[in-house]
PDB file of N, CA and C in Angstrom:
ATOM      1  N   UNK A   1     145.741   0.835-207.977  1.00  0.00           N
ATOM      2  CA  UNK A   1     145.207  -0.153-208.719  1.00  0.00           C
ATOM      3  C   UNK A   1     143.735   0.396-208.986  1.00  0.00           C
ATOM      4  N   UNK A   2     143.496   0.262-210.421  1.00  0.00           N
ATOM      5  CA  UNK A   2     142.500   0.892-211.075  1.00  0.00           C
ATOM      6  C   UNK A   2     141.089  -0.027-210.709  1.00  0.00           C
ATOM      7  N   UNK A   3     140.021   0.605-211.137  1.00  0.00           N
ATOM      8  CA  UNK A   3     138.599  -0.330-210.671  1.00  0.00           C
ATOM      9  C   UNK A   3     138.801  -1.378-211.753  1.00  0.00           C
ATOM     10  N   UNK A   4     139.325  -1.771-212.857  1.00  0.00           N
ATOM     11  CA  UNK A   4     139.041  -2.856-213.480  1.00  0.00           C
ATOM     12  C   UNK A   4     140.221  -3.875-212.899  1.00  0.00           C
ATOM     13  N   UNK A   5     141.364  -3.495-212.756  1.00  0.00           N
ATOM     14  CA  UNK A   5     142.099  -4.761-211.934  1.00  0.00           C
ATOM     15  C   UNK A   5     141.615  -5.305-210.345  1.00  0.00           C
ATOM     16  N   UNK A   6     140.987  -3.978-209.788  1.00  0.00           N
ATOM     17  CA  UNK A   6     139.882  -4.648-208.625  1.00  0.00           C
ATOM     18  C   UNK A   6     139.243  -5.388-209.024  1.00  0.00           C
ATOM     19  N   UNK A   7     138.334  -5.054-209.911  1.00  0.00           N
ATOM     20  CA  UNK A   7     137.230  -6.121-210.151  1.00  0.00           C
ATOM     21  C   UNK A   7     137.979  -7.450-210.707  1.00  0.00           C
ATOM     22  N   UNK A   8     138.812  -7.506-211.367  1.00  0.00           N
ATOM     23  CA  UNK A   8     139.694  -8.710-211.829  1.00  0.00           C
ATOM     24  C   UNK A   8     139.956  -9.290-210.826  1.00  0.00           C
ATOM     25  N   UNK A   9     140.344  -8.858-209.776  1.00  0.00           N
ATOM     26  CA  UNK A   9     141.110  -9.567-208.646  1.00  0.00           C
ATOM     27  C   UNK A   9     140.015 -10.099-207.707  1.00  0.00           C
ATOM     28  N   UNK A  10     138.755  -9.438-207.662  1.00  0.00           N
ATOM     29  CA  UNK A  10     137.718 -10.075-206.706  1.00  0.00           C
ATOM     30  C   UNK A  10     137.028 -11.236-207.486  1.00  0.00           C
ATOM     31  N   UNK A  11     136.788 -11.176-209.199  1.00  0.00           N
ATOM     32  CA  UNK A  11     136.602 -12.098-209.779  1.00  0.00           C
ATOM     33  C   UNK A  11     137.325 -13.546-209.619  1.00  0.00           C
ATOM     34  N   UNK A  12     138.532 -13.283-209.554  1.00  0.00           N
ATOM     35  CA  UNK A  12     139.456 -14.473-209.585  1.00  0.00           C
ATOM     36  C   UNK A  12     139.158 -15.027-208.106  1.00  0.00           C
ATOM     37  N   UNK A  13     139.065 -14.289-207.112  1.00  0.00           N
ATOM     38  CA  UNK A  13     139.165 -14.539-205.686  1.00  0.00           C
ATOM     39  C   UNK A  13     137.656 -15.346-205.397  1.00  0.00           C
ATOM     40  N   UNK A  14     136.452 -14.765-206.139  1.00  0.00           N
ATOM     41  CA  UNK A  14     135.404 -15.173-206.031  1.00  0.00           C
ATOM     42  C   UNK A  14     135.277 -16.795-206.687  1.00  0.00           C
ATOM     43  N   UNK A  15     135.953 -16.905-207.850  1.00  0.00           N
ATOM     44  CA  UNK A  15     135.939 -18.210-208.555  1.00  0.00           C
ATOM     45  C   UNK A  15     136.799 -19.206-207.523  1.00  0.00           C
ATOM     46  N   UNK A  16     137.676 -18.886-206.978  1.00  0.00           N
ATOM     47  CA  UNK A  16     138.644 -19.614-205.989  1.00  0.00           C
ATOM     48  C   UNK A  16     137.635 -19.992-204.853  1.00  0.00           C
ATOM     49  N   UNK A  17     136.864 -19.090-204.036  1.00  0.00           N
ATOM     50  CA  UNK A  17     135.807 -19.641-203.364  1.00  0.00           C
ATOM     51  C   UNK A  17     135.054 -20.598-203.746  1.00  0.00           C
ATOM     52  N   UNK A  18     134.512 -20.322-204.830  1.00  0.00           N
ATOM     53  CA  UNK A  18     133.397 -21.474-205.395  1.00  0.00           C
ATOM     54  C   UNK A  18     134.413 -22.658-205.385  1.00  0.00           C
ATOM     55  N   UNK A  19     135.229 -22.732-206.107  1.00  0.00           N
ATOM     56  CA  UNK A  19     136.173 -24.219-206.246  1.00  0.00           C
ATOM     57  C   UNK A  19     136.128 -24.761-204.764  1.00  0.00           C
ATOM     58  N   UNK A  20     136.318 -24.111-203.598  1.00  0.00           N
ATOM     59  CA  UNK A  20     136.564 -24.432-202.180  1.00  0.00           C
ATOM     60  C   UNK A  20     135.250 -25.078-201.921  1.00  0.00           C
ATOM     61  N   UNK A  21     134.223 -24.212-202.248  1.00  0.00           N
ATOM     62  CA  UNK A  21     132.985 -24.775-201.518  1.00  0.00           C
ATOM     63  C   UNK A  21     132.447 -25.675-202.440  1.00  0.00           C
ATOM     64  N   UNK A  22     132.366 -26.067-203.660  1.00  0.00           N
ATOM     65  CA  UNK A  22     132.218 -27.226-204.603  1.00  0.00           C
ATOM     66  C   UNK A  22     132.882 -28.324-203.792  1.00  0.00           C
ATOM     67  N   UNK A  23     134.264 -28.297-203.552  1.00  0.00           N
ATOM     68  CA  UNK A  23     135.138 -29.564-203.027  1.00  0.00           C
ATOM     69  C   UNK A  23     134.593 -29.718-201.619  1.00  0.00           C
ATOM     70  N   UNK A  24     134.280 -28.868-200.907  1.00  0.00           N
ATOM     71  CA  UNK A  24     133.792 -29.095-199.326  1.00  0.00           C
ATOM     72  C   UNK A  24     132.280 -29.907-199.689  1.00  0.00           C
ATOM     73  N   UNK A  25     131.317 -29.555-200.544  1.00  0.00           N
ATOM     74  CA  UNK A  25     130.260 -29.997-200.739  1.00  0.00           C
ATOM     75  C   UNK A  25     130.421 -31.671-201.184  1.00  0.00           C
ATOM     76  N   UNK A  26     131.370 -31.660-202.190  1.00  0.00           N
ATOM     77  CA  UNK A  26     131.540 -33.020-202.407  1.00  0.00           C
ATOM     78  C   UNK A  26     132.353 -33.882-201.525  1.00  0.00           C
ATOM     79  N   UNK A  27     132.962 -33.501-201.039  1.00  0.00           N
ATOM     80  CA  UNK A  27     133.829 -34.272-199.841  1.00  0.00           C
ATOM     81  C   UNK A  27     133.168 -34.431-198.440  1.00  0.00           C
ATOM     82  N   UNK A  28     131.980 -33.570-198.234  1.00  0.00           N
ATOM     83  CA  UNK A  28     131.413 -33.758-197.049  1.00  0.00           C
ATOM     84  C   UNK A  28     130.894 -34.997-196.449  1.00  0.00           C
ATOM     85  N   UNK A  29     130.950 -35.134-195.227  1.00  0.00           N
ATOM     86  CA  UNK A  29     130.556 -36.511-194.823  1.00  0.00           C
ATOM     87  C   UNK A  29     129.188 -36.674-194.102  1.00  0.00           C
ATOM     88  N   UNK A  30     128.597 -35.481-193.859  1.00  0.00           N
ATOM     89  CA  UNK A  30     127.205 -35.487-193.437  1.00  0.00           C
ATOM     90  C   UNK A  30     126.359 -34.680-194.100  1.00  0.00           C
ATOM     91  N   UNK A  31     124.923 -34.815-194.144  1.00  0.00           N
ATOM     92  CA  UNK A  31     124.140 -33.919-194.978  1.00  0.00           C
ATOM     93  C   UNK A  31     123.988 -32.746-194.551  1.00  0.00           C
ATOM     94  N   UNK A  32     124.195 -32.234-193.200  1.00  0.00           N
ATOM     95  CA  UNK A  32     124.022 -30.828-192.585  1.00  0.00           C
ATOM     96  C   UNK A  32     125.197 -30.061-193.185  1.00  0.00           C
ATOM     97  N   UNK A  33     126.744 -30.925-193.242  1.00  0.00           N
ATOM     98  CA  UNK A  33     128.069 -30.222-193.673  1.00  0.00           C
ATOM     99  C   UNK A  33     127.859 -29.963-195.137  1.00  0.00           C
ATOM    100  N   UNK A  34     127.048 -31.195-195.871  1.00  0.00           N
ATOM    101  CA  UNK A  34     126.943 -31.003-197.606  1.00  0.00           C
ATOM    102  C   UNK A  34     125.815 -29.901-197.767  1.00  0.00           C
ATOM    103  N   UNK A  35     124.902 -29.651-197.129  1.00  0.00           N
ATOM    104  CA  UNK A  35     123.995 -28.608-197.246  1.00  0.00           C
ATOM    105  C   UNK A  35     124.610 -27.225-197.136  1.00  0.00           C
ATOM    106  N   UNK A  36     125.204 -27.183-195.837  1.00  0.00           N
ATOM    107  CA  UNK A  36     125.936 -26.134-195.792  1.00  0.00           C
ATOM    108  C   UNK A  36     127.088 -25.474-196.767  1.00  0.00           C
ATOM    109  N   UNK A  37     127.525 -26.316-197.216  1.00  0.00           N
ATOM    110  CA  UNK A  37     128.687 -25.985-198.573  1.00  0.00           C
ATOM    111  C   UNK A  37     127.907 -25.886-199.613  1.00  0.00           C
ATOM    112  N   UNK A  38     126.888 -26.273-200.147  1.00  0.00           N
ATOM    113  CA  UNK A  38     125.901 -26.425-201.216  1.00  0.00           C
ATOM    114  C   UNK A  38     125.415 -24.927-201.088  1.00  0.00           C
ATOM    115  N   UNK A  39     124.873 -24.788-199.870  1.00  0.00           N
ATOM    116  CA  UNK A  39     123.892 -22.933-199.980  1.00  0.00           C
ATOM    117  C   UNK A  39     125.221 -22.199-200.286  1.00  0.00           C
ATOM    118  N   UNK A  40     126.434 -22.343-199.564  1.00  0.00           N
ATOM    119  CA  UNK A  40     127.457 -21.386-199.583  1.00  0.00           C
ATOM    120  C   UNK A  40     127.902 -21.186-201.079  1.00  0.00           C
ATOM    121  N   UNK A  41     127.890 -22.524-201.763  1.00  0.00           N
ATOM    122  CA  UNK A  41     128.543 -22.655-203.247  1.00  0.00           C
ATOM    123  C   UNK A  41     127.153 -21.569-203.960  1.00  0.00           C
ATOM    124  N   UNK A  42     126.025 -21.957-203.890  1.00  0.00           N
ATOM    125  CA  UNK A  42     125.156 -21.212-204.487  1.00  0.00           C
ATOM    126  C   UNK A  42     125.118 -19.640-204.374  1.00  0.00           C
ATOM    127  N   UNK A  43     125.576 -19.614-203.211  1.00  0.00           N
ATOM    128  CA  UNK A  43     125.346 -17.614-202.981  1.00  0.00           C
ATOM    129  C   UNK A  43     126.842 -17.360-203.550  1.00  0.00           C
ATOM    130  N   UNK A  44     127.949 -17.884-203.460  1.00  0.00           N
ATOM    131  CA  UNK A  44     129.057 -17.416-203.849  1.00  0.00           C
ATOM    132  C   UNK A  44     129.155 -17.466-205.503  1.00  0.00           C
ATOM    133  N   UNK A  45     128.237 -18.639-206.215  1.00  0.00           N
ATOM    134  CA  UNK A  45     128.136 -18.513-207.558  1.00  0.00           C
ATOM    135  C   UNK A  45     127.167 -17.375-208.100  1.00  0.00           C
ATOM    136  N   UNK A  46     126.329 -16.955-207.326  1.00  0.00           N
ATOM    137  CA  UNK A  46     125.423 -15.863-207.793  1.00  0.00           C
ATOM    138  C   UNK A  46     126.287 -14.726-207.576  1.00  0.00           C
ATOM    139  N   UNK A  47     127.196 -14.308-206.578  1.00  0.00           N
ATOM    140  CA  UNK A  47     127.983 -13.171-206.361  1.00  0.00           C
ATOM    141  C   UNK A  47     129.128 -13.259-207.763  1.00  0.00           C
ATOM    142  N   UNK A  48     129.365 -14.218-208.080  1.00  0.00           N
ATOM    143  CA  UNK A  48     130.346 -14.481-209.225  1.00  0.00           C
ATOM    144  C   UNK A  48     129.707 -13.652-210.521  1.00  0.00           C
ATOM    145  N   UNK A  49     128.232 -14.432-210.780  1.00  0.00           N
ATOM    146  CA  UNK A  49     127.894 -13.982-211.866  1.00  0.00           C
ATOM    147  C   UNK A  49     127.375 -12.442-211.965  1.00  0.00           C
ATOM    148  N   UNK A  50     127.202 -11.837-210.707  1.00  0.00           N
ATOM    149  CA  UNK A  50     126.935 -10.249-210.491  1.00  0.00           C
ATOM    150  C   UNK A  50     128.115  -9.620-210.784  1.00  0.00           C
ATOM    151  N   UNK A  51     129.349 -10.099-210.392  1.00  0.00           N
ATOM    152  CA  UNK A  51     130.710  -9.418-210.931  1.00  0.00           C
ATOM    153  C   UNK A  51     130.788  -9.373-211.990  1.00  0.00           C
ATOM    154  N   UNK A  52     130.768 -10.658-212.721  1.00  0.00           N
ATOM    155  CA  UNK A  52     130.788 -10.917-214.102  1.00  0.00           C
ATOM    156  C   UNK A  52     130.075  -9.821-215.062  1.00  0.00           C
ATOM    157  N   UNK A  53     128.782  -9.836-214.573  1.00  0.00           N
ATOM    158  CA  UNK A  53     127.995  -9.101-215.206  1.00  0.00           C
ATOM    159  C   UNK A  53     128.250  -7.641-215.238  1.00  0.00           C
ATOM    160  N   UNK A  54     128.880  -7.142-214.031  1.00  0.00           N
ATOM    161  CA  UNK A  54     129.127  -5.807-214.005  1.00  0.00           C
ATOM    162  C   UNK A  54     130.417  -5.361-214.864  1.00  0.00           C
ATOM    163  N   UNK A  55     131.365  -6.357-214.936  1.00  0.00           N
ATOM    164  CA  UNK A  55     132.709  -6.317-215.588  1.00  0.00           C
ATOM    165  C   UNK A  55     132.224  -6.319-217.255  1.00  0.00           C
ATOM    166  N   UNK A  56     130.949  -7.216-217.696  1.00  0.00           N
ATOM    167  CA  UNK A  56     130.860  -7.164-219.008  1.00  0.00           C
ATOM    168  C   UNK A  56     130.157  -5.939-219.674  1.00  0.00           C
ATOM    169  N   UNK A  57     129.229  -5.234-218.668  1.00  0.00           N
ATOM    170  CA  UNK A  57     128.570  -4.157-218.711  1.00  0.00           C
ATOM    171  C   UNK A  57     129.713  -2.824-219.138  1.00  0.00           C
ATOM    172  N   UNK A  58     130.837  -2.809-218.446  1.00  0.00           N
ATOM    173  CA  UNK A  58     131.899  -1.801-218.576  1.00  0.00           C
ATOM    174  C   UNK A  58     132.721  -2.241-219.754  1.00  0.00           C
ATOM    175  N   UNK A  59     132.657  -3.526-220.423  1.00  0.00           N
ATOM    176  CA  UNK A  59     133.445  -3.895-221.466  1.00  0.00           C
ATOM    177  C   UNK A  59     134.973  -4.232-220.774  1.00  0.00           C
ATOM    178  N   UNK A  60     135.021  -4.799-219.501  1.00  0.00           N
ATOM    179  CA  UNK A  60     136.183  -5.173-218.925  1.00  0.00           C
ATOM    180  C   UNK A  60     136.188  -6.879-219.159  1.00  0.00           C
ATOM    181  N   UNK A  61     135.115  -7.376-219.627  1.00  0.00           N
ATOM    182  CA  UNK A  61     135.500  -8.968-219.534  1.00  0.00           C
ATOM    183  C   UNK A  61     134.798  -9.231-221.061  1.00  0.00           C
ATOM    184  N   UNK A  62     135.817  -9.089-222.168  1.00  0.00           N
ATOM    185  CA  UNK A  62     135.035  -9.332-223.684  1.00  0.00           C
ATOM    186  C   UNK A  62     134.974 -10.895-223.935  1.00  0.00           C
ATOM    187  N   UNK A  63     134.105 -10.925-224.756  1.00  0.00           N
ATOM    188  CA  UNK A  63     133.894 -12.431-224.901  1.00  0.00           C
ATOM    189  C   UNK A  63     133.719 -12.724-226.466  1.00  0.00           C
ATOM    190  N   UNK A  64     133.961 -13.665-227.067  1.00  0.00           N
ATOM    191  CA  UNK A  64     133.939 -13.756-228.467  1.00  0.00           C
ATOM    192  C   UNK A  64     132.731 -15.004-228.617  1.00  0.00           C
ATOM    193  N   UNK A  65     132.165 -14.806-229.990  1.00  0.00           N
ATOM    194  CA  UNK A  65     131.186 -15.639-230.279  1.00  0.00           C
ATOM    195  C   UNK A  65     131.730 -16.805-231.035  1.00  0.00           C
ATOM    196  N   UNK A  66     131.539 -17.856-230.319  1.00  0.00           N
ATOM    197  CA  UNK A  66     132.169 -18.986-231.355  1.00  0.00           C
ATOM    198  C   UNK A  66     131.476 -19.721-232.484  1.00  0.00           C
ATOM    199  N   UNK A  67     132.124 -19.999-233.357  1.00  0.00           N
ATOM    200  CA  UNK A  67     131.461 -20.627-234.658  1.00  0.00           C
ATOM    201  C   UNK A  67     130.792 -21.777-234.373  1.00  0.00           C
ATOM    202  N   UNK A  68     129.476 -21.975-234.806  1.00  0.00           N
ATOM    203  CA  UNK A  68     128.646 -23.397-234.561  1.00  0.00           C
ATOM    204  C   UNK A  68     129.346 -24.511-234.856  1.00  0.00           C
ATOM    205  N   UNK A  69     130.231 -24.403-236.093  1.00  0.00           N
ATOM    206  CA  UNK A  69     131.013 -25.689-236.522  1.00  0.00           C
ATOM    207  C   UNK A  69     132.034 -26.103-235.381  1.00  0.00           C
ATOM    208  N   UNK A  70     132.574 -25.180-234.597  1.00  0.00           N
ATOM    209  CA  UNK A  70     133.798 -25.502-233.676  1.00  0.00           C
ATOM    210  C   UNK A  70     132.812 -25.854-232.270  1.00  0.00           C
ATOM    211  N   UNK A  71     131.642 -25.571-232.037  1.00  0.00           N
ATOM    212  CA  UNK A  71     130.752 -26.256-231.033  1.00  0.00           C
ATOM    213  C   UNK A  71     130.515 -27.486-231.361  1.00  0.00           C
ATOM    214  N   UNK A  72     129.913 -27.859-232.505  1.00  0.00           N
ATOM    215  CA  UNK A  72     129.780 -29.086-233.162  1.00  0.00           C
ATOM    216  C   UNK A  72     131.134 -30.131-232.858  1.00  0.00           C
ATOM    217  N   UNK A  73     132.029 -29.701-233.238  1.00  0.00           N
ATOM    218  CA  UNK A  73     133.130 -30.640-233.226  1.00  0.00           C
ATOM    219  C   UNK A  73     133.654 -30.774-231.703  1.00  0.00           C
ATOM    220  N   UNK A  74     133.346 -29.973-230.869  1.00  0.00           N
ATOM    221  CA  UNK A  74     133.525 -30.387-229.351  1.00  0.00           C
ATOM    222  C   UNK A  74     132.424 -31.099-228.953  1.00  0.00           C
ATOM    223  N   UNK A  75     131.109 -31.036-229.218  1.00  0.00           N
ATOM    224  CA  UNK A  75     130.300 -31.796-228.860  1.00  0.00           C
ATOM    225  C   UNK A  75     130.436 -33.371-229.238  1.00  0.00           C
ATOM    226  N   UNK A  76     130.796 -33.500-230.737  1.00  0.00           N
ATOM    227  CA  UNK A  76     131.109 -34.753-231.150  1.00  0.00           C
ATOM    228  C   UNK A  76     132.248 -35.672-230.483  1.00  0.00           C
ATOM    229  N   UNK A  77     133.278 -34.849-229.920  1.00  0.00           N
ATOM    230  CA  UNK A  77     134.352 -35.346-229.364  1.00  0.00           C
ATOM    231  C   UNK A  77     134.017 -35.733-228.092  1.00  0.00           C
ATOM    232  N   UNK A  78     133.071 -35.472-227.495  1.00  0.00           N
ATOM    233  CA  UNK A  78     132.641 -35.931-226.081  1.00  0.00           C
ATOM    234  C   UNK A  78     131.508 -36.589-225.948  1.00  0.00           C
ATOM    235  N   UNK A  79     130.901 -36.756-227.058  1.00  0.00           N
ATOM    236  CA  UNK A  79     129.622 -37.295-227.019  1.00  0.00           C
ATOM    237  C   UNK A  79     129.643 -38.765-226.712  1.00  0.00           C
ATOM    238  N   UNK A  80     128.926 -39.235-226.118  1.00  0.00           N
ATOM    239  CA  UNK A  80     128.835 -41.190-225.464  1.00  0.00           C
ATOM    240  C   UNK A  80     128.373 -41.803-226.790  1.00  0.00           C
ATOM    241  N   UNK A  81     128.818 -42.950-226.690  1.00  0.00           N
ATOM    242  CA  UNK A  81     128.442 -44.117-227.677  1.00  0.00           C
ATOM    243  C   UNK A  81     127.138 -44.053-227.844  1.00  0.00           C
TER     244      UNK A  81
END
């Protein structure tokens, strides 16, 4: 497995962890449990961001610039009355 595949796998795993922590925070029954999940989520999001930044710097996570017209279309579609 090369470095790019390893980083992709780590990023996917970290995204999954973020989802679990988010649901844990949403479903927690006490403030203490909620705070614990929220803190873990914040730390996991920071780690996910660092992984993304490293992948982007190496050209392993290419992104495209979206046309402003497409952004406006999506905004209008989801805009509240």
